[in-house]
Structure formats: C-alpha cells, structure tokens
Protein backbone atom coordinates (compact mmCIF):
# COMPACT_ATOMS: atom_id res chain seq x y z
CA MET A 1 1.78 -23.67 -1.98
CA SER A 2 0.14 -23.44 -5.38
CA HIS A 3 -1.17 -19.91 -4.80
CA PHE A 4 1.75 -18.42 -2.93
CA SER A 5 5.16 -17.37 -4.11
CA ILE A 6 8.03 -18.35 -1.84
CA ARG A 7 10.43 -15.75 -3.19
CA SER A 8 10.86 -12.38 -1.54
CA HIS A 9 9.21 -9.33 -3.05
CA PHE A 10 11.05 -6.90 -0.78
CA ASP A 11 13.51 -5.76 -3.43
CA MET A 12 10.63 -4.98 -5.78
CA LEU A 13 8.95 -2.85 -3.12
CA VAL A 14 12.11 -0.87 -2.41
CA ASN A 15 12.76 -0.39 -6.12
CA ASN A 16 9.21 0.83 -6.77
CA LEU A 17 9.44 3.22 -3.84
CA SER A 18 12.76 4.57 -5.09
CA GLU A 19 11.46 4.99 -8.62
CA SER A 20 8.37 6.80 -7.39
CA PHE A 21 10.43 9.15 -5.25
CA ASN A 22 12.91 9.81 -8.06
CA LYS A 23 10.07 10.60 -10.44
CA MET A 24 8.63 13.05 -7.93
CA ILE A 25 11.91 14.96 -7.51
CA VAL A 26 13.26 14.81 -11.06
CA GLU A 27 12.71 18.51 -11.80
CA THR A 28 14.39 19.61 -8.56
CA ARG A 29 17.70 17.83 -9.13
CA GLY A 30 19.36 20.74 -10.92
CA LYS A 31 18.49 23.27 -8.23
CA PRO A 32 20.70 24.37 -5.34
CA ILE A 33 20.54 22.01 -2.37
CA LEU A 34 18.41 24.20 -0.11
CA THR A 35 15.93 24.95 -2.88
CA MET A 36 15.83 21.27 -3.78
CA MET A 37 15.20 20.21 -0.18
CA GLU A 38 12.50 22.84 0.29
CA THR A 39 10.78 21.76 -2.92
CA ILE A 40 10.87 18.10 -1.86
CA ARG A 41 9.55 19.00 1.60
CA THR A 42 6.70 21.00 0.09
CA LYS A 43 5.79 18.20 -2.33
CA ILE A 44 5.74 15.63 0.46
CA MET A 45 3.59 17.88 2.65
CA LEU A 46 1.11 18.41 -0.19
CA LEU A 47 1.01 14.67 -0.84
CA ILE A 48 0.29 13.96 2.83
CA ILE A 49 -2.51 16.55 2.83
CA LYS A 50 -4.00 15.05 -0.34
CA LYS A 51 -3.93 11.53 1.09
CA LYS A 52 -5.46 12.72 4.37
CA GLU A 53 -8.30 14.46 2.52
CA GLU A 54 -8.95 11.29 0.53
CA ALA A 55 -8.95 9.21 3.71
CA ASN A 56 -11.43 11.57 5.37
CA LYS A 57 -13.94 10.67 2.65
CA TRP A 58 -13.83 6.97 3.49
CA LYS A 59 -16.87 5.43 5.08
CA GLY A 60 -15.94 2.91 7.73
CA MET A 61 -12.63 1.85 9.19
CA LEU A 62 -11.04 0.38 6.05
CA CYS A 63 -9.95 2.08 2.87
CA PRO A 64 -12.15 1.21 -0.12
CA LYS A 65 -9.54 -0.94 -1.88
CA ILE A 66 -8.92 -3.13 1.18
CA LYS A 67 -12.65 -3.27 1.95
CA LYS A 68 -13.31 -4.57 -1.55
CA LYS A 69 -10.62 -7.26 -1.19
CA LEU A 70 -11.98 -8.25 2.20
CA ASP A 71 -15.53 -8.49 0.85
CA VAL A 72 -14.33 -10.78 -1.96
CA ASN A 73 -12.52 -13.00 0.55
CA ILE A 74 -15.57 -13.13 2.81
CA LYS A 75 -17.75 -14.09 -0.14
CA ASP A 76 -15.27 -16.77 -1.22
CA SER A 77 -15.00 -18.12 2.32
CA PHE A 78 -18.63 -19.26 2.29
CA ARG A 79 -17.51 -22.17 0.11
CA CYS A 80 -15.03 -23.31 2.76
CA VAL A 81 -15.99 -26.11 5.10
CA PRO A 82 -13.93 -26.69 8.24
CA SER A 83 -12.68 -30.22 8.80
CA HIS A 84 -11.92 -31.56 12.25
CA THR A 85 -8.32 -32.78 12.48
CA GLY A 86 -8.37 -33.91 16.07
CA GLY A 87 -8.49 -32.32 19.47
CA ASP A 88 -9.44 -28.69 19.20
CA LYS A 89 -7.94 -28.19 15.74
CA TYR A 90 -9.78 -27.69 12.49
C-alpha cells in the first residue's frame, strides 16, 4: 500500500471538471439564456472537433500520453521476477 492512496479522488475529479466548464462559459453568463446555450453548444462542438482532429494524428491504438506511460511500465516490469506461491498462482 506504500504507492497507492486509499482515499477517494472522485470529488477532485468532479471539482476539476466543474471548474473547467465554468471557465469555458464565463463570458456567456451575462447573455440571454438562448444565446448562452447556443454559445455553449458551439464551444463544445468546436472542442469535440479539435479533439477528434488531434486523435486522428495518433499513430497506433493508444493516445501518446498513455502510450508513454505504458512504455515506462513495460520497461520497469523487466525488473520484476514472478514468484511461485503454490498451485497455479504466482
């Protein structure tokens, strides 16, 4: 348990998501409701398009950030040696 936190990080995730969304819509808050909703819809659509275009540039099945983390874990795993604990368990 030395490398893992046992407390929940869910509240932090929700808070970060809320803060990001609020930052994105801050300039639309003073507008009439329909204008505000249309502006938010447009911003979200543009964000989705941007993310899709970025993803289309990826080589392979994984995004670059996850691929890098996976490569580090694979490299680190070479130091691991399985130990037989009995039966078919290691």
